[in-house]
Amino acid sequence: IVVMLNERTSEAVAARWAERVTAELIP
């Protein structure tokens, strides 16, 4: 999973999205 950072996306925000996607993708 690759989350791009931009002016609206900090590292913390990107991490929250990556965690949500990971939690759904693994099962």
mmCIF file of all heavy atoms, coordinates in Angstrom:
data_MODEL
# 
_entry.id   MODEL 
# 
loop_
_atom_site.group_PDB 
_atom_site.id 
_atom_site.type_symbol 
_atom_site.label_atom_id 
_atom_site.label_alt_id 
_atom_site.label_comp_id 
_atom_site.label_asym_id 
_atom_site.label_entity_id 
_atom_site.label_seq_id 
_atom_site.pdbx_PDB_ins_code 
_atom_site.Cartn_x 
_atom_site.Cartn_y 
_atom_site.Cartn_z 
_atom_site.occupancy 
_atom_site.B_iso_or_equiv 
_atom_site.pdbx_formal_charge 
_atom_site.auth_seq_id 
_atom_site.auth_comp_id 
_atom_site.auth_asym_id 
_atom_site.auth_atom_id 
_atom_site.pdbx_PDB_model_num 
ATOM 1   N N   . ILE A 1 1  ? 0.866   -1.179  0.000  1.00 0.00 ? 1  ILE A N   1 
ATOM 2   C CA  . ILE A 1 1  ? 0.000   0.000   0.000  1.00 0.00 ? 1  ILE A CA  1 
ATOM 3   C C   . ILE A 1 1  ? 0.903   1.229   0.000  1.00 0.00 ? 1  ILE A C   1 
ATOM 4   O O   . ILE A 1 1  ? 1.788   1.353   0.849  1.00 0.00 ? 1  ILE A O   1 
ATOM 5   C CB  . ILE A 1 1  ? -0.909  0.031   1.241  1.00 0.00 ? 1  ILE A CB  1 
ATOM 6   C CG1 . ILE A 1 1  ? -1.786  -1.226  1.300  1.00 0.00 ? 1  ILE A CG1 1 
ATOM 7   C CG2 . ILE A 1 1  ? -1.763  1.290   1.262  1.00 0.00 ? 1  ILE A CG2 1 
ATOM 8   C CD1 . ILE A 1 1  ? -2.409  -1.450  2.668  1.00 0.00 ? 1  ILE A CD1 1 
ATOM 9   N N   . VAL A 1 2  ? 0.696   2.125   -0.954 1.00 0.00 ? 2  VAL A N   1 
ATOM 10  C CA  . VAL A 1 2  ? 1.483   3.360   -1.040 1.00 0.00 ? 2  VAL A CA  1 
ATOM 11  C C   . VAL A 1 2  ? 0.534   4.546   -0.906 1.00 0.00 ? 2  VAL A C   1 
ATOM 12  O O   . VAL A 1 2  ? -0.357  4.721   -1.740 1.00 0.00 ? 2  VAL A O   1 
ATOM 13  C CB  . VAL A 1 2  ? 2.257   3.457   -2.367 1.00 0.00 ? 2  VAL A CB  1 
ATOM 14  C CG1 . VAL A 1 2  ? 3.071   4.760   -2.411 1.00 0.00 ? 2  VAL A CG1 1 
ATOM 15  C CG2 . VAL A 1 2  ? 3.173   2.250   -2.561 1.00 0.00 ? 2  VAL A CG2 1 
ATOM 16  N N   . VAL A 1 3  ? 0.731   5.331   0.144  1.00 0.00 ? 3  VAL A N   1 
ATOM 17  C CA  . VAL A 1 3  ? -0.089  6.522   0.381  1.00 0.00 ? 3  VAL A CA  1 
ATOM 18  C C   . VAL A 1 3  ? 0.774   7.752   0.117  1.00 0.00 ? 3  VAL A C   1 
ATOM 19  O O   . VAL A 1 3  ? 1.817   7.937   0.747  1.00 0.00 ? 3  VAL A O   1 
ATOM 20  C CB  . VAL A 1 3  ? -0.632  6.569   1.825  1.00 0.00 ? 3  VAL A CB  1 
ATOM 21  C CG1 . VAL A 1 3  ? -1.590  7.748   1.989  1.00 0.00 ? 3  VAL A CG1 1 
ATOM 22  C CG2 . VAL A 1 3  ? -1.308  5.268   2.195  1.00 0.00 ? 3  VAL A CG2 1 
ATOM 23  N N   . MET A 1 4  ? 0.334   8.595   -0.811 1.00 0.00 ? 4  MET A N   1 
ATOM 24  C CA  . MET A 1 4  ? 1.091   9.799   -1.148 1.00 0.00 ? 4  MET A CA  1 
ATOM 25  C C   . MET A 1 4  ? 0.772   10.920  -0.152 1.00 0.00 ? 4  MET A C   1 
ATOM 26  O O   . MET A 1 4  ? -0.387  11.129  0.219  1.00 0.00 ? 4  MET A O   1 
ATOM 27  C CB  . MET A 1 4  ? 0.765   10.263  -2.565 1.00 0.00 ? 4  MET A CB  1 
ATOM 28  C CG  . MET A 1 4  ? 1.099   9.241   -3.644 1.00 0.00 ? 4  MET A CG  1 
ATOM 29  S SD  . MET A 1 4  ? 2.843   8.719   -3.627 1.00 0.00 ? 4  MET A SD  1 
ATOM 30  C CE  . MET A 1 4  ? 3.685   10.287  -3.922 1.00 0.00 ? 4  MET A CE  1 
ATOM 31  N N   . LEU A 1 5  ? 1.816   11.626  0.256  1.00 0.00 ? 5  LEU A N   1 
ATOM 32  C CA  . LEU A 1 5  ? 1.641   12.775  1.133  1.00 0.00 ? 5  LEU A CA  1 
ATOM 33  C C   . LEU A 1 5  ? 1.508   14.045  0.294  1.00 0.00 ? 5  LEU A C   1 
ATOM 34  O O   . LEU A 1 5  ? 2.125   14.152  -0.772 1.00 0.00 ? 5  LEU A O   1 
ATOM 35  C CB  . LEU A 1 5  ? 2.817   12.919  2.093  1.00 0.00 ? 5  LEU A CB  1 
ATOM 36  C CG  . LEU A 1 5  ? 2.753   12.071  3.379  1.00 0.00 ? 5  LEU A CG  1 
ATOM 37  C CD1 . LEU A 1 5  ? 2.816   10.581  3.060  1.00 0.00 ? 5  LEU A CD1 1 
ATOM 38  C CD2 . LEU A 1 5  ? 3.875   12.440  4.327  1.00 0.00 ? 5  LEU A CD2 1 
ATOM 39  N N   . ASN A 1 6  ? 0.685   14.963  0.752  1.00 0.00 ? 6  ASN A N   1 
ATOM 40  C CA  . ASN A 1 6  ? 0.542   16.251  0.081  1.00 0.00 ? 6  ASN A CA  1 
ATOM 41  C C   . ASN A 1 6  ? 0.195   17.301  1.127  1.00 0.00 ? 6  ASN A C   1 
ATOM 42  O O   . ASN A 1 6  ? 0.305   17.039  2.336  1.00 0.00 ? 6  ASN A O   1 
ATOM 43  C CB  . ASN A 1 6  ? -0.529  16.182  -1.024 1.00 0.00 ? 6  ASN A CB  1 
ATOM 44  C CG  . ASN A 1 6  ? -1.879  15.682  -0.510 1.00 0.00 ? 6  ASN A CG  1 
ATOM 45  O OD1 . ASN A 1 6  ? -2.304  16.034  0.598  1.00 0.00 ? 6  ASN A OD1 1 
ATOM 46  N ND2 . ASN A 1 6  ? -2.563  14.854  -1.295 1.00 0.00 ? 6  ASN A ND2 1 
ATOM 47  N N   . GLU A 1 7  ? -0.214  18.500  0.671  1.00 0.00 ? 7  GLU A N   1 
ATOM 48  C CA  . GLU A 1 7  ? -0.481  19.573  1.627  1.00 0.00 ? 7  GLU A CA  1 
ATOM 49  C C   . GLU A 1 7  ? -1.635  19.251  2.566  1.00 0.00 ? 7  GLU A C   1 
ATOM 50  O O   . GLU A 1 7  ? -1.749  19.814  3.660  1.00 0.00 ? 7  GLU A O   1 
ATOM 51  C CB  . GLU A 1 7  ? -0.762  20.891  0.890  1.00 0.00 ? 7  GLU A CB  1 
ATOM 52  C CG  . GLU A 1 7  ? -1.977  20.894  -0.018 1.00 0.00 ? 7  GLU A CG  1 
ATOM 53  C CD  . GLU A 1 7  ? -1.695  20.303  -1.398 1.00 0.00 ? 7  GLU A CD  1 
ATOM 54  O OE1 . GLU A 1 7  ? -0.548  19.862  -1.624 1.00 0.00 ? 7  GLU A OE1 1 
ATOM 55  O OE2 . GLU A 1 7  ? -2.628  20.292  -2.226 1.00 0.00 ? 7  GLU A OE2 1 
ATOM 56  N N   . ARG A 1 8  ? -2.489  18.308  2.188  1.00 0.00 ? 8  ARG A N   1 
ATOM 57  C CA  . ARG A 1 8  ? -3.624  17.923  3.043  1.00 0.00 ? 8  ARG A CA  1 
ATOM 58  C C   . ARG A 1 8  ? -3.370  16.602  3.766  1.00 0.00 ? 8  ARG A C   1 
ATOM 59  O O   . ARG A 1 8  ? -4.213  16.149  4.526  1.00 0.00 ? 8  ARG A O   1 
ATOM 60  C CB  . ARG A 1 8  ? -4.893  17.808  2.205  1.00 0.00 ? 8  ARG A CB  1 
ATOM 61  C CG  . ARG A 1 8  ? -5.329  19.112  1.553  1.00 0.00 ? 8  ARG A CG  1 
ATOM 62  C CD  . ARG A 1 8  ? -6.704  18.985  0.951  1.00 0.00 ? 8  ARG A CD  1 
ATOM 63  N NE  . ARG A 1 8  ? -7.702  18.611  1.961  1.00 0.00 ? 8  ARG A NE  1 
ATOM 64  C CZ  . ARG A 1 8  ? -9.001  18.463  1.685  1.00 0.00 ? 8  ARG A CZ  1 
ATOM 65  N NH1 . ARG A 1 8  ? -9.444  18.633  0.459  1.00 0.00 ? 8  ARG A NH1 1 
ATOM 66  N NH2 . ARG A 1 8  ? -9.851  18.116  2.642  1.00 0.00 ? 8  ARG A NH2 1 
ATOM 67  N N   . THR A 1 9  ? -2.250  15.986  3.489  1.00 0.00 ? 9  THR A N   1 
ATOM 68  C CA  . THR A 1 9  ? -1.985  14.657  4.042  1.00 0.00 ? 9  THR A CA  1 
ATOM 69  C C   . THR A 1 9  ? -0.647  14.642  4.763  1.00 0.00 ? 9  THR A C   1 
ATOM 70  O O   . THR A 1 9  ? 0.414   14.612  4.144  1.00 0.00 ? 9  THR A O   1 
ATOM 71  C CB  . THR A 1 9  ? -1.974  13.595  2.924  1.00 0.00 ? 9  THR A CB  1 
ATOM 72  O OG1 . THR A 1 9  ? -3.173  13.689  2.156  1.00 0.00 ? 9  THR A OG1 1 
ATOM 73  C CG2 . THR A 1 9  ? -1.853  12.202  3.512  1.00 0.00 ? 9  THR A CG2 1 
ATOM 74  N N   . SER A 1 10 ? -0.699  14.671  6.078  1.00 0.00 ? 10 SER A N   1 
ATOM 75  C CA  . SER A 1 10 ? 0.512   14.543  6.892  1.00 0.00 ? 10 SER A CA  1 
ATOM 76  C C   . SER A 1 10 ? 0.872   13.063  7.014  1.00 0.00 ? 10 SER A C   1 
ATOM 77  O O   . SER A 1 10 ? 0.111   12.180  6.610  1.00 0.00 ? 10 SER A O   1 
ATOM 78  C CB  . SER A 1 10 ? 0.272   15.130  8.281  1.00 0.00 ? 10 SER A CB  1 
ATOM 79  O OG  . SER A 1 10 ? -0.714  14.370  8.976  1.00 0.00 ? 10 SER A OG  1 
ATOM 80  N N   . GLU A 1 11 ? 2.013   12.801  7.610  1.00 0.00 ? 11 GLU A N   1 
ATOM 81  C CA  . GLU A 1 11 ? 2.423   11.407  7.828  1.00 0.00 ? 11 GLU A CA  1 
ATOM 82  C C   . GLU A 1 11 ? 1.424   10.684  8.724  1.00 0.00 ? 11 GLU A C   1 
ATOM 83  O O   . GLU A 1 11 ? 1.095   9.516   8.495  1.00 0.00 ? 11 GLU A O   1 
ATOM 84  C CB  . GLU A 1 11 ? 3.817   11.377  8.445  1.00 0.00 ? 11 GLU A CB  1 
ATOM 85  C CG  . GLU A 1 11 ? 4.362   9.974   8.650  1.00 0.00 ? 11 GLU A CG  1 
ATOM 86  C CD  . GLU A 1 11 ? 5.781   9.973   9.196  1.00 0.00 ? 11 GLU A CD  1 
ATOM 87  O OE1 . GLU A 1 11 ? 6.477   10.990  9.067  1.00 0.00 ? 11 GLU A OE1 1 
ATOM 88  O OE2 . GLU A 1 11 ? 6.191   8.928   9.741  1.00 0.00 ? 11 GLU A OE2 1 
ATOM 89  N N   . ALA A 1 12 ? 0.902   11.379  9.744  1.00 0.00 ? 12 ALA A N   1 
ATOM 90  C CA  . ALA A 1 12 ? -0.063  10.749  10.652 1.00 0.00 ? 12 ALA A CA  1 
ATOM 91  C C   . ALA A 1 12 ? -1.355  10.409  9.920  1.00 0.00 ? 12 ALA A C   1 
ATOM 92  O O   . ALA A 1 12 ? -1.937  9.333   10.138 1.00 0.00 ? 12 ALA A O   1 
ATOM 93  C CB  . ALA A 1 12 ? -0.343  11.683  11.826 1.00 0.00 ? 12 ALA A CB  1 
ATOM 94  N N   . VAL A 1 13 ? -1.821  11.307  9.063  1.00 0.00 ? 13 VAL A N   1 
ATOM 95  C CA  . VAL A 1 13 ? -3.040  11.038  8.293  1.00 0.00 ? 13 VAL A CA  1 
ATOM 96  C C   . VAL A 1 13 ? -2.806  9.868   7.339  1.00 0.00 ? 13 VAL A C   1 
ATOM 97  O O   . VAL A 1 13 ? -3.654  8.975   7.210  1.00 0.00 ? 13 VAL A O   1 
ATOM 98  C CB  . VAL A 1 13 ? -3.473  12.305  7.518  1.00 0.00 ? 13 VAL A CB  1 
ATOM 99  C CG1 . VAL A 1 13 ? -4.581  11.968  6.520  1.00 0.00 ? 13 VAL A CG1 1 
ATOM 100 C CG2 . VAL A 1 13 ? -3.937  13.380  8.486  1.00 0.00 ? 13 VAL A CG2 1 
ATOM 101 N N   . ALA A 1 14 ? -1.668  9.862   6.674  1.00 0.00 ? 14 ALA A N   1 
ATOM 102 C CA  . ALA A 1 14 ? -1.347  8.768   5.748  1.00 0.00 ? 14 ALA A CA  1 
ATOM 103 C C   . ALA A 1 14 ? -1.324  7.433   6.485  1.00 0.00 ? 14 ALA A C   1 
ATOM 104 O O   . ALA A 1 14 ? -1.801  6.411   5.974  1.00 0.00 ? 14 ALA A O   1 
ATOM 105 C CB  . ALA A 1 14 ? -0.006  9.028   5.072  1.00 0.00 ? 14 ALA A CB  1 
ATOM 106 N N   . ALA A 1 15 ? -0.765  7.436   7.702  1.00 0.00 ? 15 ALA A N   1 
ATOM 107 C CA  . ALA A 1 15 ? -0.692  6.202   8.481  1.00 0.00 ? 15 ALA A CA  1 
ATOM 108 C C   . ALA A 1 15 ? -2.082  5.689   8.845  1.00 0.00 ? 15 ALA A C   1 
ATOM 109 O O   . ALA A 1 15 ? -2.325  4.469   8.819  1.00 0.00 ? 15 ALA A O   1 
ATOM 110 C CB  . ALA A 1 15 ? 0.136   6.421   9.734  1.00 0.00 ? 15 ALA A CB  1 
ATOM 111 N N   . ARG A 1 16 ? -3.007  6.598   9.170  1.00 0.00 ? 16 ARG A N   1 
ATOM 112 C CA  . ARG A 1 16 ? -4.366  6.166   9.505  1.00 0.00 ? 16 ARG A CA  1 
ATOM 113 C C   . ARG A 1 16 ? -5.045  5.515   8.301  1.00 0.00 ? 16 ARG A C   1 
ATOM 114 O O   . ARG A 1 16 ? -5.726  4.491   8.443  1.00 0.00 ? 16 ARG A O   1 
ATOM 115 C CB  . ARG A 1 16 ? -5.183  7.355   10.020 1.00 0.00 ? 16 ARG A CB  1 
ATOM 116 C CG  . ARG A 1 16 ? -4.803  7.807   11.415 1.00 0.00 ? 16 ARG A CG  1 
ATOM 117 C CD  . ARG A 1 16 ? -5.893  8.654   12.043 1.00 0.00 ? 16 ARG A CD  1 
ATOM 118 N NE  . ARG A 1 16 ? -6.108  9.910   11.334 1.00 0.00 ? 16 ARG A NE  1 
ATOM 119 C CZ  . ARG A 1 16 ? -5.444  11.038  11.605 1.00 0.00 ? 16 ARG A CZ  1 
ATOM 120 N NH1 . ARG A 1 16 ? -4.506  11.047  12.538 1.00 0.00 ? 16 ARG A NH1 1 
ATOM 121 N NH2 . ARG A 1 16 ? -5.722  12.131  10.932 1.00 0.00 ? 16 ARG A NH2 1 
ATOM 122 N N   . TRP A 1 17 ? -4.857  6.101   7.130  1.00 0.00 ? 17 TRP A N   1 
ATOM 123 C CA  . TRP A 1 17 ? -5.434  5.497   5.935  1.00 0.00 ? 17 TRP A CA  1 
ATOM 124 C C   . TRP A 1 17 ? -4.802  4.132   5.634  1.00 0.00 ? 17 TRP A C   1 
ATOM 125 O O   . TRP A 1 17 ? -5.497  3.170   5.313  1.00 0.00 ? 17 TRP A O   1 
ATOM 126 C CB  . TRP A 1 17 ? -5.253  6.434   4.734  1.00 0.00 ? 17 TRP A CB  1 
ATOM 127 C CG  . TRP A 1 17 ? -6.292  7.494   4.656  1.00 0.00 ? 17 TRP A CG  1 
ATOM 128 C CD1 . TRP A 1 17 ? -6.231  8.751   5.185  1.00 0.00 ? 17 TRP A CD1 1 
ATOM 129 C CD2 . TRP A 1 17 ? -7.573  7.394   4.024  1.00 0.00 ? 17 TRP A CD2 1 
ATOM 130 N NE1 . TRP A 1 17 ? -7.390  9.441   4.915  1.00 0.00 ? 17 TRP A NE1 1 
ATOM 131 C CE2 . TRP A 1 17 ? -8.228  8.637   4.207  1.00 0.00 ? 17 TRP A CE2 1 
ATOM 132 C CE3 . TRP A 1 17 ? -8.225  6.394   3.322  1.00 0.00 ? 17 TRP A CE3 1 
ATOM 133 C CZ2 . TRP A 1 17 ? -9.504  8.894   3.707  1.00 0.00 ? 17 TRP A CZ2 1 
ATOM 134 C CZ3 . TRP A 1 17 ? -9.495  6.641   2.818  1.00 0.00 ? 17 TRP A CZ3 1 
ATOM 135 C CH2 . TRP A 1 17 ? -10.124 7.874   3.016  1.00 0.00 ? 17 TRP A CH2 1 
ATOM 136 N N   . ALA A 1 18 ? -3.488  4.058   5.741  1.00 0.00 ? 18 ALA A N   1 
ATOM 137 C CA  . ALA A 1 18 ? -2.800  2.785   5.472  1.00 0.00 ? 18 ALA A CA  1 
ATOM 138 C C   . ALA A 1 18 ? -3.269  1.703   6.430  1.00 0.00 ? 18 ALA A C   1 
ATOM 139 O O   . ALA A 1 18 ? -3.447  0.541   6.039  1.00 0.00 ? 18 ALA A O   1 
ATOM 140 C CB  . ALA A 1 18 ? -1.290  2.974   5.569  1.00 0.00 ? 18 ALA A CB  1 
ATOM 141 N N   . GLU A 1 19 ? -3.481  2.055   7.698  1.00 0.00 ? 19 GLU A N   1 
ATOM 142 C CA  . GLU A 1 19 ? -3.945  1.077   8.679  1.00 0.00 ? 19 GLU A CA  1 
ATOM 143 C C   . GLU A 1 19 ? -5.364  0.609   8.369  1.00 0.00 ? 19 GLU A C   1 
ATOM 144 O O   . GLU A 1 19 ? -5.676  -0.587  8.497  1.00 0.00 ? 19 GLU A O   1 
ATOM 145 C CB  . GLU A 1 19 ? -3.869  1.682   10.079 1.00 0.00 ? 19 GLU A CB  1 
ATOM 146 C CG  . GLU A 1 19 ? -2.441  1.836   10.590 1.00 0.00 ? 19 GLU A CG  1 
ATOM 147 C CD  . GLU A 1 19 ? -2.364  2.626   11.880 1.00 0.00 ? 19 GLU A CD  1 
ATOM 148 O OE1 . GLU A 1 19 ? -3.444  2.989   12.407 1.00 0.00 ? 19 GLU A OE1 1 
ATOM 149 O OE2 . GLU A 1 19 ? -1.241  2.877   12.354 1.00 0.00 ? 19 GLU A OE2 1 
ATOM 150 N N   . ARG A 1 20 ? -6.239  1.533   7.955  1.00 0.00 ? 20 ARG A N   1 
ATOM 151 C CA  . ARG A 1 20 ? -7.611  1.153   7.600  1.00 0.00 ? 20 ARG A CA  1 
ATOM 152 C C   . ARG A 1 20 ? -7.623  0.180   6.423  1.00 0.00 ? 20 ARG A C   1 
ATOM 153 O O   . ARG A 1 20 ? -8.336  -0.835  6.438  1.00 0.00 ? 20 ARG A O   1 
ATOM 154 C CB  . ARG A 1 20 ? -8.425  2.393   7.243  1.00 0.00 ? 20 ARG A CB  1 
ATOM 155 C CG  . ARG A 1 20 ? -8.815  3.266   8.408  1.00 0.00 ? 20 ARG A CG  1 
ATOM 156 C CD  . ARG A 1 20 ? -9.606  4.473   7.929  1.00 0.00 ? 20 ARG A CD  1 
ATOM 157 N NE  . ARG A 1 20 ? -10.862 4.091   7.275  1.00 0.00 ? 20 ARG A NE  1 
ATOM 158 C CZ  . ARG A 1 20 ? -11.650 4.943   6.634  1.00 0.00 ? 20 ARG A CZ  1 
ATOM 159 N NH1 . ARG A 1 20 ? -11.310 6.227   6.543  1.00 0.00 ? 20 ARG A NH1 1 
ATOM 160 N NH2 . ARG A 1 20 ? -12.778 4.524   6.077  1.00 0.00 ? 20 ARG A NH2 1 
ATOM 161 N N   . VAL A 1 21 ? -6.832  0.502   5.411  1.00 0.00 ? 21 VAL A N   1 
ATOM 162 C CA  . VAL A 1 21 ? -6.782  -0.366  4.221  1.00 0.00 ? 21 VAL A CA  1 
ATOM 163 C C   . VAL A 1 21 ? -6.188  -1.729  4.572  1.00 0.00 ? 21 VAL A C   1 
ATOM 164 O O   . VAL A 1 21 ? -6.702  -2.774  4.158  1.00 0.00 ? 21 VAL A O   1 
ATOM 165 C CB  . VAL A 1 21 ? -5.974  0.316   3.102  1.00 0.00 ? 21 VAL A CB  1 
ATOM 166 C CG1 . VAL A 1 21 ? -5.831  -0.617  1.904  1.00 0.00 ? 21 VAL A CG1 1 
ATOM 167 C CG2 . VAL A 1 21 ? -6.648  1.617   2.670  1.00 0.00 ? 21 VAL A CG2 1 
ATOM 168 N N   . THR A 1 22 ? -5.126  -1.727  5.358  1.00 0.00 ? 22 THR A N   1 
ATOM 169 C CA  . THR A 1 22 ? -4.492  -2.984  5.772  1.00 0.00 ? 22 THR A CA  1 
ATOM 170 C C   . THR A 1 22 ? -5.483  -3.864  6.528  1.00 0.00 ? 22 THR A C   1 
ATOM 171 O O   . THR A 1 22 ? -5.577  -5.072  6.286  1.00 0.00 ? 22 THR A O   1 
ATOM 172 C CB  . THR A 1 22 ? -3.268  -2.697  6.657  1.00 0.00 ? 22 THR A CB  1 
ATOM 173 O OG1 . THR A 1 22 ? -2.304  -1.953  5.907  1.00 0.00 ? 22 THR A OG1 1 
ATOM 174 C CG2 . THR A 1 22 ? -2.625  -3.990  7.150  1.00 0.00 ? 22 THR A CG2 1 
ATOM 175 N N   . ALA A 1 23 ? -6.225  -3.263  7.453  1.00 0.00 ? 23 ALA A N   1 
ATOM 176 C CA  . ALA A 1 23 ? -7.171  -4.023  8.276  1.00 0.00 ? 23 ALA A CA  1 
ATOM 177 C C   . ALA A 1 23 ? -8.255  -4.683  7.433  1.00 0.00 ? 23 ALA A C   1 
ATOM 178 O O   . ALA A 1 23 ? -8.748  -5.757  7.768  1.00 0.00 ? 23 ALA A O   1 
ATOM 179 C CB  . ALA A 1 23 ? -7.801  -3.106  9.320  1.00 0.00 ? 23 ALA A CB  1 
ATOM 180 N N   . GLU A 1 24 ? -8.648  -4.058  6.322  1.00 0.00 ? 24 GLU A N   1 
ATOM 181 C CA  . GLU A 1 24 ? -9.660  -4.641  5.449  1.00 0.00 ? 24 GLU A CA  1 
ATOM 182 C C   . GLU A 1 24 ? -9.057  -5.628  4.450  1.00 0.00 ? 24 GLU A C   1 
ATOM 183 O O   . GLU A 1 24 ? -9.681  -6.625  4.080  1.00 0.00 ? 24 GLU A O   1 
ATOM 184 C CB  . GLU A 1 24 ? -10.391 -3.532  4.684  1.00 0.00 ? 24 GLU A CB  1 
ATOM 185 C CG  . GLU A 1 24 ? -11.210 -2.613  5.569  1.00 0.00 ? 24 GLU A CG  1 
ATOM 186 C CD  . GLU A 1 24 ? -11.937 -1.536  4.774  1.00 0.00 ? 24 GLU A CD  1 
ATOM 187 O OE1 . GLU A 1 24 ? -12.126 -1.717  3.548  1.00 0.00 ? 24 GLU A OE1 1 
ATOM 188 O OE2 . GLU A 1 24 ? -12.315 -0.507  5.364  1.00 0.00 ? 24 GLU A OE2 1 
ATOM 189 N N   . LEU A 1 25 ? -7.829  -5.339  4.024  1.00 0.00 ? 25 LEU A N   1 
ATOM 190 C CA  . LEU A 1 25 ? -7.229  -6.130  2.946  1.00 0.00 ? 25 LEU A CA  1 
ATOM 191 C C   . LEU A 1 25 ? -6.777  -7.515  3.403  1.00 0.00 ? 25 LEU A C   1 
ATOM 192 O O   . LEU A 1 25 ? -6.957  -8.504  2.690  1.00 0.00 ? 25 LEU A O   1 
ATOM 193 C CB  . LEU A 1 25 ? -6.050  -5.343  2.367  1.00 0.00 ? 25 LEU A CB  1 
ATOM 194 C CG  . LEU A 1 25 ? -5.455  -5.792  1.034  1.00 0.00 ? 25 LEU A CG  1 
ATOM 195 C CD1 . LEU A 1 25 ? -6.527  -5.934  -0.034 1.00 0.00 ? 25 LEU A CD1 1 
ATOM 196 C CD2 . LEU A 1 25 ? -4.376  -4.809  0.599  1.00 0.00 ? 25 LEU A CD2 1 
ATOM 197 N N   . ILE A 1 26 ? -6.195  -7.610  4.583  1.00 0.00 ? 26 ILE A N   1 
ATOM 198 C CA  . ILE A 1 26 ? -5.664  -8.895  5.046  1.00 0.00 ? 26 ILE A CA  1 
ATOM 199 C C   . ILE A 1 26 ? -6.741  -9.978  5.104  1.00 0.00 ? 26 ILE A C   1 
ATOM 200 O O   . ILE A 1 26 ? -6.565  -11.063 4.539  1.00 0.00 ? 26 ILE A O   1 
ATOM 201 C CB  . ILE A 1 26 ? -4.930  -8.733  6.389  1.00 0.00 ? 26 ILE A CB  1 
ATOM 202 C CG1 . ILE A 1 26 ? -3.581  -8.031  6.163  1.00 0.00 ? 26 ILE A CG1 1 
ATOM 203 C CG2 . ILE A 1 26 ? -4.710  -10.089 7.075  1.00 0.00 ? 26 ILE A CG2 1 
ATOM 204 C CD1 . ILE A 1 26 ? -2.823  -7.701  7.436  1.00 0.00 ? 26 ILE A CD1 1 
ATOM 205 N N   . PRO A 1 27 ? -7.894  -9.744  5.752  1.00 0.00 ? 27 PRO A N   1 
ATOM 206 C CA  . PRO A 1 27 ? -8.931  -10.796 5.750  1.00 0.00 ? 27 PRO A CA  1 
ATOM 207 C C   . PRO A 1 27 ? -9.468  -11.101 4.352  1.00 0.00 ? 27 PRO A C   1 
ATOM 208 O O   . PRO A 1 27 ? -9.766  -12.262 4.040  1.00 0.00 ? 27 PRO A O   1 
ATOM 209 C CB  . PRO A 1 27 ? -10.025 -10.212 6.646  1.00 0.00 ? 27 PRO A CB  1 
ATOM 210 C CG  . PRO A 1 27 ? -9.412  -9.099  7.386  1.00 0.00 ? 27 PRO A CG  1 
ATOM 211 C CD  . PRO A 1 27 ? -8.293  -8.585  6.559  1.00 0.00 ? 27 PRO A CD  1 
# 
